[in-house]
Full PDB file with SEQRES, HELIX, SHEET, SSBOND, CRYST1, ORIGX, SCALE, CONECT and MASTER records, all heavy atoms in Angstrom:
SEQRES   1 A   44  VAL LEU ALA ARG TYR TYR ALA LEU ASP VAL PRO VAL ARG          
SEQRES   2 A   44  GLU ALA LYS GLU GLU LEU ARG ALA ALA LEU GLN ALA LEU          
SEQRES   3 A   44  VAL PRO GLN ARG ALA GLY ASP PHE ALA GLN ALA MET MET          
SEQRES   4 A   44  ASP LEU GLY ALA THR                                          
HELIX    1 AA1 LEU A    2  TYR A    5  1                                   4    
HELIX    2 AA2 VAL A   12  GLU A   14  5                                   3    
HELIX    3 AA3 LYS A   16  GLN A   24  1                                   9    
HELIX    4 AA4 ALA A   31  ALA A   43  1                                  13    
CRYST1    1.000    1.000    1.000  90.00  90.00  90.00 P 1           1          
ORIGX1      1.000000  0.000000  0.000000        0.00000                         
ORIGX2      0.000000  1.000000  0.000000        0.00000                         
ORIGX3      0.000000  0.000000  1.000000        0.00000                         
SCALE1      1.000000  0.000000  0.000000        0.00000                         
SCALE2      0.000000  1.000000  0.000000        0.00000                         
SCALE3      0.000000  0.000000  1.000000        0.00000                         
ATOM      1  N   VAL A   1       0.753  -1.111   0.027  1.00  0.00           N  
ATOM      2  CA  VAL A   1       0.012  -0.019   0.018  1.00  0.00           C  
ATOM      3  C   VAL A   1       0.956   1.235   0.004  1.00  0.00           C  
ATOM      4  O   VAL A   1       0.673   2.226  -0.806  1.00  0.00           O  
ATOM      5  CB  VAL A   1      -1.050  -0.056   1.214  1.00  0.00           C  
ATOM      6  CG1 VAL A   1      -1.641   1.372   1.267  1.00  0.00           C  
ATOM      7  CG2 VAL A   1      -1.974  -1.193   1.166  1.00  0.00           C  
ATOM      8  N   LEU A   2       1.864   1.266   0.814  1.00  0.00           N  
ATOM      9  CA  LEU A   2       2.683   2.433   0.914  1.00  0.00           C  
ATOM     10  C   LEU A   2       3.622   2.660  -0.265  1.00  0.00           C  
ATOM     11  O   LEU A   2       3.785   3.779  -0.670  1.00  0.00           O  
ATOM     12  CB  LEU A   2       3.556   2.334   2.227  1.00  0.00           C  
ATOM     13  CG  LEU A   2       2.728   2.377   3.607  1.00  0.00           C  
ATOM     14  CD1 LEU A   2       3.741   2.426   4.788  1.00  0.00           C  
ATOM     15  CD2 LEU A   2       1.785   3.659   3.563  1.00  0.00           C  
ATOM     16  N   ALA A   3       4.171   1.566  -0.757  1.00  0.00           N  
ATOM     17  CA  ALA A   3       4.929   1.616  -2.011  1.00  0.00           C  
ATOM     18  C   ALA A   3       4.169   2.245  -3.140  1.00  0.00           C  
ATOM     19  O   ALA A   3       4.671   3.058  -3.935  1.00  0.00           O  
ATOM     20  CB  ALA A   3       5.445   0.288  -2.376  1.00  0.00           C  
ATOM     21  N   ARG A   4       2.878   1.872  -3.329  1.00  0.00           N  
ATOM     22  CA  ARG A   4       2.110   2.438  -4.357  1.00  0.00           C  
ATOM     23  C   ARG A   4       1.701   4.012  -3.961  1.00  0.00           C  
ATOM     24  O   ARG A   4       1.646   4.805  -4.779  1.00  0.00           O  
ATOM     25  CB  ARG A   4       0.780   1.687  -4.535  1.00  0.00           C  
ATOM     26  CG  ARG A   4       1.083   0.302  -5.163  1.00  0.00           C  
ATOM     27  CD  ARG A   4      -0.151  -0.643  -5.161  1.00  0.00           C  
ATOM     28  NE  ARG A   4       0.147  -1.914  -5.884  1.00  0.00           N  
ATOM     29  CZ  ARG A   4      -0.578  -2.934  -5.909  1.00  0.00           C  
ATOM     30  NH1 ARG A   4      -1.838  -2.915  -5.423  1.00  0.00           N  
ATOM     31  NH2 ARG A   4      -0.205  -4.000  -6.564  1.00  0.00           N  
ATOM     32  N   TYR A   5       1.375   4.207  -2.750  1.00  0.00           N  
ATOM     33  CA  TYR A   5       0.893   5.512  -2.413  1.00  0.00           C  
ATOM     34  C   TYR A   5       1.986   6.553  -2.593  1.00  0.00           C  
ATOM     35  O   TYR A   5       1.676   7.683  -3.184  1.00  0.00           O  
ATOM     36  CB  TYR A   5       0.655   5.563  -0.788  1.00  0.00           C  
ATOM     37  CG  TYR A   5      -0.206   6.858  -0.502  1.00  0.00           C  
ATOM     38  CD1 TYR A   5      -1.450   6.937  -0.683  1.00  0.00           C  
ATOM     39  CD2 TYR A   5       0.570   7.783   0.260  1.00  0.00           C  
ATOM     40  CE1 TYR A   5      -2.164   8.207  -0.198  1.00  0.00           C  
ATOM     41  CE2 TYR A   5      -0.054   8.900   0.669  1.00  0.00           C  
ATOM     42  CZ  TYR A   5      -1.385   9.152   0.412  1.00  0.00           C  
ATOM     43  OH  TYR A   5      -2.062  10.298   0.819  1.00  0.00           O  
ATOM     44  N   TYR A   6       3.229   6.145  -2.379  1.00  0.00           N  
ATOM     45  CA  TYR A   6       4.420   7.038  -2.536  1.00  0.00           C  
ATOM     46  C   TYR A   6       5.136   6.759  -3.907  1.00  0.00           C  
ATOM     47  O   TYR A   6       6.089   7.399  -4.172  1.00  0.00           O  
ATOM     48  CB  TYR A   6       5.400   6.875  -1.403  1.00  0.00           C  
ATOM     49  CG  TYR A   6       4.747   7.315  -0.111  1.00  0.00           C  
ATOM     50  CD1 TYR A   6       4.806   6.348   1.012  1.00  0.00           C  
ATOM     51  CD2 TYR A   6       4.231   8.514   0.172  1.00  0.00           C  
ATOM     52  CE1 TYR A   6       4.290   6.686   2.194  1.00  0.00           C  
ATOM     53  CE2 TYR A   6       3.760   8.932   1.448  1.00  0.00           C  
ATOM     54  CZ  TYR A   6       3.730   7.914   2.453  1.00  0.00           C  
ATOM     55  OH  TYR A   6       3.153   8.325   3.660  1.00  0.00           O  
ATOM     56  N   ALA A   7       4.625   5.902  -4.724  1.00  0.00           N  
ATOM     57  CA  ALA A   7       5.330   5.415  -5.899  1.00  0.00           C  
ATOM     58  C   ALA A   7       6.804   5.178  -5.646  1.00  0.00           C  
ATOM     59  O   ALA A   7       7.686   5.808  -6.304  1.00  0.00           O  
ATOM     60  CB  ALA A   7       5.142   6.469  -7.170  1.00  0.00           C  
ATOM     61  N   LEU A   8       7.020   4.298  -4.764  1.00  0.00           N  
ATOM     62  CA  LEU A   8       8.402   4.162  -4.230  1.00  0.00           C  
ATOM     63  C   LEU A   8       9.259   3.559  -5.360  1.00  0.00           C  
ATOM     64  O   LEU A   8       8.899   2.562  -5.929  1.00  0.00           O  
ATOM     65  CB  LEU A   8       8.342   3.156  -3.018  1.00  0.00           C  
ATOM     66  CG  LEU A   8       9.708   2.958  -2.276  1.00  0.00           C  
ATOM     67  CD1 LEU A   8      10.152   4.166  -1.542  1.00  0.00           C  
ATOM     68  CD2 LEU A   8       9.514   1.842  -1.354  1.00  0.00           C  
ATOM     69  N   ASP A   9      10.393   4.302  -5.655  1.00  0.00           N  
ATOM     70  CA  ASP A   9      11.064   3.809  -6.848  1.00  0.00           C  
ATOM     71  C   ASP A   9      12.249   2.898  -6.630  1.00  0.00           C  
ATOM     72  O   ASP A   9      13.117   2.689  -7.401  1.00  0.00           O  
ATOM     73  CB  ASP A   9      11.740   5.148  -7.518  1.00  0.00           C  
ATOM     74  CG  ASP A   9      12.646   5.918  -6.629  1.00  0.00           C  
ATOM     75  OD1 ASP A   9      12.763   5.485  -5.490  1.00  0.00           O  
ATOM     76  OD2 ASP A   9      13.120   6.903  -7.121  1.00  0.00           O  
ATOM     77  N   VAL A  10      12.239   2.309  -5.338  1.00  0.00           N  
ATOM     78  CA  VAL A  10      13.204   1.201  -5.112  1.00  0.00           C  
ATOM     79  C   VAL A  10      12.454   0.035  -4.339  1.00  0.00           C  
ATOM     80  O   VAL A  10      11.322   0.267  -3.937  1.00  0.00           O  
ATOM     81  CB  VAL A  10      14.318   1.802  -4.053  1.00  0.00           C  
ATOM     82  CG1 VAL A  10      15.176   2.831  -4.767  1.00  0.00           C  
ATOM     83  CG2 VAL A  10      13.630   2.209  -2.832  1.00  0.00           C  
ATOM     84  N   PRO A  11      12.995  -1.086  -4.268  1.00  0.00           N  
ATOM     85  CA  PRO A  11      12.364  -2.250  -3.544  1.00  0.00           C  
ATOM     86  C   PRO A  11      12.170  -1.799  -2.074  1.00  0.00           C  
ATOM     87  O   PRO A  11      12.907  -0.997  -1.506  1.00  0.00           O  
ATOM     88  CB  PRO A  11      13.398  -3.375  -3.631  1.00  0.00           C  
ATOM     89  CG  PRO A  11      14.234  -3.123  -4.902  1.00  0.00           C  
ATOM     90  CD  PRO A  11      14.166  -1.545  -4.952  1.00  0.00           C  
ATOM     91  N   VAL A  12      11.087  -2.275  -1.416  1.00  0.00           N  
ATOM     92  CA  VAL A  12      10.641  -1.895  -0.179  1.00  0.00           C  
ATOM     93  C   VAL A  12      11.826  -2.058   0.894  1.00  0.00           C  
ATOM     94  O   VAL A  12      11.927  -1.140   1.733  1.00  0.00           O  
ATOM     95  CB  VAL A  12       9.387  -2.655   0.226  1.00  0.00           C  
ATOM     96  CG1 VAL A  12       9.115  -2.492   1.748  1.00  0.00           C  
ATOM     97  CG2 VAL A  12       8.107  -2.202  -0.561  1.00  0.00           C  
ATOM     98  N   ARG A  13      12.408  -3.057   0.703  1.00  0.00           N  
ATOM     99  CA  ARG A  13      13.518  -3.262   1.782  1.00  0.00           C  
ATOM    100  C   ARG A  13      14.646  -2.227   1.835  1.00  0.00           C  
ATOM    101  O   ARG A  13      15.323  -1.968   2.822  1.00  0.00           O  
ATOM    102  CB  ARG A  13      14.155  -4.683   1.578  1.00  0.00           C  
ATOM    103  CG  ARG A  13      15.018  -4.835   0.304  1.00  0.00           C  
ATOM    104  CD  ARG A  13      15.431  -6.365   0.019  1.00  0.00           C  
ATOM    105  NE  ARG A  13      16.230  -6.470  -1.242  1.00  0.00           N  
ATOM    106  CZ  ARG A  13      16.484  -7.659  -1.722  1.00  0.00           C  
ATOM    107  NH1 ARG A  13      15.961  -8.748  -1.058  1.00  0.00           N  
ATOM    108  NH2 ARG A  13      17.161  -7.774  -2.831  1.00  0.00           N  
ATOM    109  N   GLU A  14      14.751  -1.518   0.772  1.00  0.00           N  
ATOM    110  CA  GLU A  14      15.705  -0.452   0.763  1.00  0.00           C  
ATOM    111  C   GLU A  14      15.251   0.892   1.364  1.00  0.00           C  
ATOM    112  O   GLU A  14      15.964   1.821   1.532  1.00  0.00           O  
ATOM    113  CB  GLU A  14      16.165  -0.175  -0.766  1.00  0.00           C  
ATOM    114  CG  GLU A  14      16.883  -1.289  -1.407  1.00  0.00           C  
ATOM    115  CD  GLU A  14      17.317  -1.048  -2.806  1.00  0.00           C  
ATOM    116  OE1 GLU A  14      17.522   0.125  -3.122  1.00  0.00           O  
ATOM    117  OE2 GLU A  14      17.591  -1.990  -3.584  1.00  0.00           O  
ATOM    118  N   ALA A  15      13.881   0.912   1.627  1.00  0.00           N  
ATOM    119  CA  ALA A  15      13.393   2.064   2.230  1.00  0.00           C  
ATOM    120  C   ALA A  15      12.454   1.755   3.409  1.00  0.00           C  
ATOM    121  O   ALA A  15      11.536   2.589   3.745  1.00  0.00           O  
ATOM    122  CB  ALA A  15      12.553   2.913   1.180  1.00  0.00           C  
ATOM    123  N   LYS A  16      12.715   0.630   3.972  1.00  0.00           N  
ATOM    124  CA  LYS A  16      11.778   0.158   5.098  1.00  0.00           C  
ATOM    125  C   LYS A  16      11.657   1.158   6.178  1.00  0.00           C  
ATOM    126  O   LYS A  16      10.503   1.410   6.733  1.00  0.00           O  
ATOM    127  CB  LYS A  16      12.271  -1.097   5.604  1.00  0.00           C  
ATOM    128  CG  LYS A  16      11.310  -1.947   6.406  1.00  0.00           C  
ATOM    129  CD  LYS A  16      10.222  -2.648   5.697  1.00  0.00           C  
ATOM    130  CE  LYS A  16       9.384  -3.521   6.469  1.00  0.00           C  
ATOM    131  NZ  LYS A  16       8.431  -4.342   5.724  1.00  0.00           N  
ATOM    132  N   GLU A  17      12.705   1.717   6.738  1.00  0.00           N  
ATOM    133  CA  GLU A  17      12.669   2.589   7.740  1.00  0.00           C  
ATOM    134  C   GLU A  17      11.961   3.866   7.472  1.00  0.00           C  
ATOM    135  O   GLU A  17      11.409   4.592   8.295  1.00  0.00           O  
ATOM    136  CB  GLU A  17      14.088   2.787   8.365  1.00  0.00           C  
ATOM    137  CG  GLU A  17      14.636   1.535   9.032  1.00  0.00           C  
ATOM    138  CD  GLU A  17      13.645   0.897   9.998  1.00  0.00           C  
ATOM    139  OE1 GLU A  17      13.046   1.551  10.964  1.00  0.00           O  
ATOM    140  OE2 GLU A  17      13.467  -0.334   9.932  1.00  0.00           O  
ATOM    141  N   GLU A  18      12.166   4.427   6.263  1.00  0.00           N  
ATOM    142  CA  GLU A  18      11.463   5.587   5.757  1.00  0.00           C  
ATOM    143  C   GLU A  18      10.017   5.462   5.802  1.00  0.00           C  
ATOM    144  O   GLU A  18       9.170   6.236   6.145  1.00  0.00           O  
ATOM    145  CB  GLU A  18      12.002   5.984   4.476  1.00  0.00           C  
ATOM    146  CG  GLU A  18      13.457   6.528   4.465  1.00  0.00           C  
ATOM    147  CD  GLU A  18      13.964   6.670   3.080  1.00  0.00           C  
ATOM    148  OE1 GLU A  18      13.325   7.607   2.326  1.00  0.00           O  
ATOM    149  OE2 GLU A  18      14.935   6.087   2.636  1.00  0.00           O  
ATOM    150  N   LEU A  19       9.600   4.271   5.210  1.00  0.00           N  
ATOM    151  CA  LEU A  19       8.149   3.881   5.131  1.00  0.00           C  
ATOM    152  C   LEU A  19       7.612   3.861   6.670  1.00  0.00           C  
ATOM    153  O   LEU A  19       6.471   4.311   6.966  1.00  0.00           O  
ATOM    154  CB  LEU A  19       7.841   2.600   4.511  1.00  0.00           C  
ATOM    155  CG  LEU A  19       8.183   2.566   3.001  1.00  0.00           C  
ATOM    156  CD1 LEU A  19       7.957   1.155   2.387  1.00  0.00           C  
ATOM    157  CD2 LEU A  19       7.300   3.521   2.234  1.00  0.00           C  
ATOM    158  N   ARG A  20       8.344   3.239   7.558  1.00  0.00           N  
ATOM    159  CA  ARG A  20       7.913   3.080   8.941  1.00  0.00           C  
ATOM    160  C   ARG A  20       7.792   4.524   9.566  1.00  0.00           C  
ATOM    161  O   ARG A  20       6.843   4.657  10.329  1.00  0.00           O  
ATOM    162  CB  ARG A  20       8.860   2.204   9.743  1.00  0.00           C  
ATOM    163  CG  ARG A  20       8.410   1.852  11.148  1.00  0.00           C  
ATOM    164  CD  ARG A  20       9.412   1.112  11.960  1.00  0.00           C  
ATOM    165  NE  ARG A  20       9.979   0.028  11.195  1.00  0.00           N  
ATOM    166  CZ  ARG A  20       9.607  -1.100  10.963  1.00  0.00           C  
ATOM    167  NH1 ARG A  20       8.297  -1.488  11.517  1.00  0.00           N  
ATOM    168  NH2 ARG A  20      10.124  -2.046  10.279  1.00  0.00           N  
ATOM    169  N   ALA A  21       8.718   5.323   9.368  1.00  0.00           N  
ATOM    170  CA  ALA A  21       8.622   6.626   9.862  1.00  0.00           C  
ATOM    171  C   ALA A  21       7.446   7.416   9.413  1.00  0.00           C  
ATOM    172  O   ALA A  21       6.696   8.168  10.131  1.00  0.00           O  
ATOM    173  CB  ALA A  21       9.960   7.451   9.574  1.00  0.00           C  
ATOM    174  N   ALA A  22       7.136   7.258   7.979  1.00  0.00           N  
ATOM    175  CA  ALA A  22       6.030   7.951   7.425  1.00  0.00           C  
ATOM    176  C   ALA A  22       4.665   7.326   8.089  1.00  0.00           C  
ATOM    177  O   ALA A  22       3.761   8.282   8.298  1.00  0.00           O  
ATOM    178  CB  ALA A  22       6.074   7.668   5.827  1.00  0.00           C  
ATOM    179  N   LEU A  23       4.672   6.185   8.372  1.00  0.00           N  
ATOM    180  CA  LEU A  23       3.375   5.519   8.876  1.00  0.00           C  
ATOM    181  C   LEU A  23       3.275   5.938  10.335  1.00  0.00           C  
ATOM    182  O   LEU A  23       2.217   6.322  10.736  1.00  0.00           O  
ATOM    183  CB  LEU A  23       3.586   4.063   8.726  1.00  0.00           C  
ATOM    184  CG  LEU A  23       2.240   3.319   9.113  1.00  0.00           C  
ATOM    185  CD1 LEU A  23       1.077   3.582   8.291  1.00  0.00           C  
ATOM    186  CD2 LEU A  23       2.514   1.751   9.045  1.00  0.00           C  
ATOM    187  N   GLN A  24       4.449   5.959  10.986  1.00  0.00           N  
ATOM    188  CA  GLN A  24       4.336   6.343  12.459  1.00  0.00           C  
ATOM    189  C   GLN A  24       3.861   7.732  12.689  1.00  0.00           C  
ATOM    190  O   GLN A  24       3.184   7.978  13.662  1.00  0.00           O  
ATOM    191  CB  GLN A  24       5.830   6.236  12.986  1.00  0.00           C  
ATOM    192  CG  GLN A  24       5.906   6.519  14.538  1.00  0.00           C  
ATOM    193  CD  GLN A  24       5.103   5.579  15.338  1.00  0.00           C  
ATOM    194  OE1 GLN A  24       5.396   4.393  15.279  1.00  0.00           O  
ATOM    195  NE2 GLN A  24       4.124   6.095  16.097  1.00  0.00           N  
ATOM    196  N   ALA A  25       4.109   8.677  11.662  1.00  0.00           N  
ATOM    197  CA  ALA A  25       3.753  10.035  11.858  1.00  0.00           C  
ATOM    198  C   ALA A  25       2.241  10.231  11.740  1.00  0.00           C  
ATOM    199  O   ALA A  25       1.710  11.355  12.104  1.00  0.00           O  
ATOM    200  CB  ALA A  25       4.382  10.817  10.706  1.00  0.00           C  
ATOM    201  N   LEU A  26       1.467   9.270  11.318  1.00  0.00           N  
ATOM    202  CA  LEU A  26      -0.050   9.488  11.135  1.00  0.00           C  
ATOM    203  C   LEU A  26      -0.874   8.487  11.936  1.00  0.00           C  
ATOM    204  O   LEU A  26      -2.110   8.491  11.843  1.00  0.00           O  
ATOM    205  CB  LEU A  26      -0.347   9.371   9.707  1.00  0.00           C  
ATOM    206  CG  LEU A  26      -0.035   8.113   8.842  1.00  0.00           C  
ATOM    207  CD1 LEU A  26      -1.097   7.111   8.871  1.00  0.00           C  
ATOM    208  CD2 LEU A  26       0.420   8.556   7.560  1.00  0.00           C  
ATOM    209  N   VAL A  27      -0.220   7.695  12.848  1.00  0.00           N  
ATOM    210  CA  VAL A  27      -0.990   6.665  13.676  1.00  0.00           C  
ATOM    211  C   VAL A  27      -1.972   7.431  14.565  1.00  0.00           C  
ATOM    212  O   VAL A  27      -1.555   8.199  15.388  1.00  0.00           O  
ATOM    213  CB  VAL A  27      -0.106   5.788  14.449  1.00  0.00           C  
ATOM    214  CG1 VAL A  27      -1.028   4.778  15.320  1.00  0.00           C  
ATOM    215  CG2 VAL A  27       0.790   4.968  13.524  1.00  0.00           C  
ATOM    216  N   PRO A  28      -3.332   7.276  14.492  1.00  0.00           N  
ATOM    217  CA  PRO A  28      -4.195   8.016  15.385  1.00  0.00           C  
ATOM    218  C   PRO A  28      -4.409   7.240  16.647  1.00  0.00           C  
ATOM    219  O   PRO A  28      -3.664   6.268  16.950  1.00  0.00           O  
ATOM    220  CB  PRO A  28      -5.436   7.846  14.564  1.00  0.00           C  
ATOM    221  CG  PRO A  28      -5.413   6.639  13.762  1.00  0.00           C  
ATOM    222  CD  PRO A  28      -3.959   6.427  13.533  1.00  0.00           C  
ATOM    223  N   GLN A  29      -5.241   7.800  17.541  1.00  0.00           N  
ATOM    224  CA  GLN A  29      -5.551   7.169  18.824  1.00  0.00           C  
ATOM    225  C   GLN A  29      -6.051   5.894  18.591  1.00  0.00           C  
ATOM    226  O   GLN A  29      -5.947   4.943  19.500  1.00  0.00           O  
ATOM    227  CB  GLN A  29      -6.347   8.269  19.617  1.00  0.00           C  
ATOM    228  CG  GLN A  29      -5.782   9.394  20.090  1.00  0.00           C  
ATOM    229  CD  GLN A  29      -6.682  10.244  21.202  1.00  0.00           C  
ATOM    230  OE1 GLN A  29      -7.743  10.156  20.997  1.00  0.00           O  
ATOM    231  NE2 GLN A  29      -5.892  10.893  22.017  1.00  0.00           N  
ATOM    232  N   ARG A  30      -7.041   5.706  17.622  1.00  0.00           N  
ATOM    233  CA  ARG A  30      -7.519   4.310  17.452  1.00  0.00           C  
ATOM    234  C   ARG A  30      -6.420   3.508  16.649  1.00  0.00           C  
ATOM    235  O   ARG A  30      -6.696   3.004  15.529  1.00  0.00           O  
ATOM    236  CB  ARG A  30      -8.801   4.417  16.593  1.00  0.00           C  
ATOM    237  CG  ARG A  30     -10.063   4.960  17.279  1.00  0.00           C  
ATOM    238  CD  ARG A  30     -11.196   5.052  16.332  1.00  0.00           C  
ATOM    239  NE  ARG A  30     -11.580   3.822  15.832  1.00  0.00           N  
ATOM    240  CZ  ARG A  30     -12.440   3.698  14.753  1.00  0.00           C  
ATOM    241  NH1 ARG A  30     -13.160   4.793  14.232  1.00  0.00           N  
ATOM    242  NH2 ARG A  30     -12.723   2.514  14.296  1.00  0.00           N  
ATOM    243  N   ALA A  31      -5.302   3.289  17.339  1.00  0.00           N  
ATOM    244  CA  ALA A  31      -4.209   2.659  16.624  1.00  0.00           C  
ATOM    245  C   ALA A  31      -4.502   1.303  16.139  1.00  0.00           C  
ATOM    246  O   ALA A  31      -4.057   0.817  15.152  1.00  0.00           O  
ATOM    247  CB  ALA A  31      -3.005   2.672  17.659  1.00  0.00           C  
ATOM    248  N   GLY A  32      -5.235   0.581  17.024  1.00  0.00           N  
ATOM    249  CA  GLY A  32      -5.393  -0.874  16.667  1.00  0.00           C  
ATOM    250  C   GLY A  32      -6.416  -0.997  15.431  1.00  0.00           C  
ATOM    251  O   GLY A  32      -6.167  -1.755  14.504  1.00  0.00           O  
ATOM    252  N   ASP A  33      -7.408  -0.182  15.480  1.00  0.00           N  
ATOM    253  CA  ASP A  33      -8.416  -0.177  14.252  1.00  0.00           C  
ATOM    254  C   ASP A  33      -7.558   0.278  13.021  1.00  0.00           C  
ATOM    255  O   ASP A  33      -7.868  -0.184  11.934  1.00  0.00           O  
ATOM    256  CB  ASP A  33      -9.658   0.612  14.578  1.00  0.00           C  
ATOM    257  CG  ASP A  33     -10.663  -0.178  15.495  1.00  0.00           C  
ATOM    258  OD1 ASP A  33     -10.426  -1.354  15.608  1.00  0.00           O  
ATOM    259  OD2 ASP A  33     -11.570   0.575  15.998  1.00  0.00           O  
ATOM    260  N   PHE A  34      -6.825   1.404  13.188  1.00  0.00           N  
ATOM    261  CA  PHE A  34      -6.058   1.862  12.004  1.00  0.00           C  
ATOM    262  C   PHE A  34      -5.220   0.874  11.450  1.00  0.00           C  
ATOM    263  O   PHE A  34      -5.135   0.618  10.276  1.00  0.00           O  
ATOM    264  CB  PHE A  34      -5.281   3.071  12.534  1.00  0.00           C  
ATOM    265  CG  PHE A  34      -4.443   3.673  11.367  1.00  0.00           C  
ATOM    266  CD1 PHE A  34      -5.077   4.393  10.374  1.00  0.00           C  
ATOM    267  CD2 PHE A  34      -3.026   3.547  11.303  1.00  0.00           C  
ATOM    268  CE1 PHE A  34      -4.208   4.915   9.242  1.00  0.00           C  
ATOM    269  CE2 PHE A  34      -2.299   4.104  10.283  1.00  0.00           C  
ATOM    270  CZ  PHE A  34      -2.974   4.758   9.239  1.00  0.00           C  
ATOM    271  N   ALA A  35      -4.440   0.106  12.333  1.00  0.00           N  
ATOM    272  CA  ALA A  35      -3.449  -0.976  11.856  1.00  0.00           C  
ATOM    273  C   ALA A  35      -4.234  -2.074  11.070  1.00  0.00           C  
ATOM    274  O   ALA A  35      -3.874  -2.490   9.933  1.00  0.00           O  
ATOM    275  CB  ALA A  35      -2.759  -1.595  13.058  1.00  0.00           C  
ATOM    276  N   GLN A  36      -5.420  -2.520  11.573  1.00  0.00           N  
ATOM    277  CA  GLN A  36      -6.191  -3.594  10.920  1.00  0.00           C  
ATOM    278  C   GLN A  36      -6.802  -2.988   9.722  1.00  0.00           C  
ATOM    279  O   GLN A  36      -6.968  -3.741   8.657  1.00  0.00           O  
ATOM    280  CB  GLN A  36      -7.277  -3.965  11.937  1.00  0.00           C  
ATOM    281  CG  GLN A  36      -6.633  -4.737  13.082  1.00  0.00           C  
ATOM    282  CD  GLN A  36      -7.532  -5.212  14.201  1.00  0.00           C  
ATOM    283  OE1 GLN A  36      -8.011  -6.380  14.219  1.00  0.00           O  
ATOM    284  NE2 GLN A  36      -8.115  -4.278  14.871  1.00  0.00           N  
ATOM    285  N   ALA A  37      -7.236  -1.738   9.762  1.00  0.00           N  
ATOM    286  CA  ALA A  37      -7.787  -1.109   8.520  1.00  0.00           C  
ATOM    287  C   ALA A  37      -6.718  -1.136   7.352  1.00  0.00           C  
ATOM    288  O   ALA A  37      -7.059  -1.394   6.186  1.00  0.00           O  
ATOM    289  CB  ALA A  37      -8.218   0.321   8.771  1.00  0.00           C  
ATOM    290  N   MET A  38      -5.574  -0.688   7.593  1.00  0.00           N  
ATOM    291  CA  MET A  38      -4.501  -0.648   6.588  1.00  0.00           C  
ATOM    292  C   MET A  38      -4.205  -2.122   6.141  1.00  0.00           C  
ATOM    293  O   MET A  38      -3.913  -2.368   4.878  1.00  0.00           O  
ATOM    294  CB  MET A  38      -3.284  -0.030   7.158  1.00  0.00           C  
ATOM    295  CG  MET A  38      -3.320   1.486   7.413  1.00  0.00           C  
ATOM    296  SD  MET A  38      -3.735   2.523   5.962  1.00  0.00           S  
ATOM    297  CE  MET A  38      -2.168   2.360   5.127  1.00  0.00           C  
ATOM    298  N   MET A  39      -4.192  -3.088   6.986  1.00  0.00           N  
ATOM    299  CA  MET A  39      -4.097  -4.469   6.583  1.00  0.00           C  
ATOM    300  C   MET A  39      -5.094  -4.898   5.723  1.00  0.00           C  
ATOM    301  O   MET A  39      -4.912  -5.600   4.627  1.00  0.00           O  
ATOM    302  CB  MET A  39      -4.049  -5.275   7.860  1.00  0.00           C  
ATOM    303  CG  MET A  39      -2.950  -5.251   8.788  1.00  0.00           C  
ATOM    304  SD  MET A  39      -3.119  -6.303  10.274  1.00  0.00           S  
ATOM    305  CE  MET A  39      -1.757  -5.630  11.306  1.00  0.00           C  
ATOM    306  N   ASP A  40      -6.358  -4.549   6.051  1.00  0.00           N  
ATOM    307  CA  ASP A  40      -7.601  -4.892   5.131  1.00  0.00           C  
ATOM    308  C   ASP A  40      -7.452  -4.144   3.808  1.00  0.00           C  
ATOM    309  O   ASP A  40      -7.855  -4.841   2.747  1.00  0.00           O  
ATOM    310  CB  ASP A  40      -8.846  -4.489   5.830  1.00  0.00           C  
ATOM    311  CG  ASP A  40      -9.265  -5.489   7.039  1.00  0.00           C  
ATOM    312  OD1 ASP A  40      -8.494  -6.390   7.277  1.00  0.00           O  
ATOM    313  OD2 ASP A  40     -10.319  -5.409   7.507  1.00  0.00           O  
ATOM    314  N   LEU A  41      -6.990  -2.921   3.819  1.00  0.00           N  
ATOM    315  CA  LEU A  41      -6.866  -2.254   2.534  1.00  0.00           C  
ATOM    316  C   LEU A  41      -5.920  -3.026   1.571  1.00  0.00           C  
ATOM    317  O   LEU A  41      -6.165  -3.258   0.414  1.00  0.00           O  
ATOM    318  CB  LEU A  41      -6.249  -0.843   2.668  1.00  0.00           C  
ATOM    319  CG  LEU A  41      -7.205   0.309   2.908  1.00  0.00           C  
ATOM    320  CD1 LEU A  41      -6.424   1.521   3.086  1.00  0.00           C  
ATOM    321  CD2 LEU A  41      -8.204   0.392   1.838  1.00  0.00           C  
ATOM    322  N   GLY A  42      -4.772  -3.500   2.138  1.00  0.00           N  
ATOM    323  CA  GLY A  42      -3.793  -4.222   1.295  1.00  0.00           C  
ATOM    324  C   GLY A  42      -4.333  -5.650   0.977  1.00  0.00           C  
ATOM    325  O   GLY A  42      -3.989  -6.112  -0.087  1.00  0.00           O  
ATOM    326  N   ALA A  43      -5.204  -6.223   1.815  1.00  0.00           N  
ATOM    327  CA  ALA A  43      -5.712  -7.582   1.401  1.00  0.00           C  
ATOM    328  C   ALA A  43      -6.866  -7.615   0.424  1.00  0.00           C  
ATOM    329  O   ALA A  43      -7.125  -8.545  -0.241  1.00  0.00           O  
ATOM    330  CB  ALA A  43      -6.187  -8.204   2.830  1.00  0.00           C  
ATOM    331  N   THR A  44      -7.706  -6.485   0.449  1.00  0.00           N  
ATOM    332  CA  THR A  44      -8.860  -6.585  -0.386  1.00  0.00           C  
ATOM    333  C   THR A  44      -8.953  -5.503  -1.465  1.00  0.00           C  
ATOM    334  O   THR A  44      -9.464  -5.731  -2.547  1.00  0.00           O  
ATOM    335  CB  THR A  44     -10.139  -6.198   0.560  1.00  0.00           C  
ATOM    336  OG1 THR A  44     -10.019  -4.936   1.257  1.00  0.00           O  
ATOM    337  CG2 THR A  44     -10.190  -7.404   1.670  1.00  0.00           C  
TER     338      THR A  44                                                      
MASTER        0    0    0    4    0    0    0    6  337    1    0    4          
END                                                                             
């Protein structure tokens, strides 16, 4: 999901920590529902 959202121009493993930091910056108080929502987006 994040590789597509940012049109990441390298394999994910080369930018894993940058992706993690970008995701960390937007985790809301409903952190559990948000995590599962993002998983569901990628799965469906």
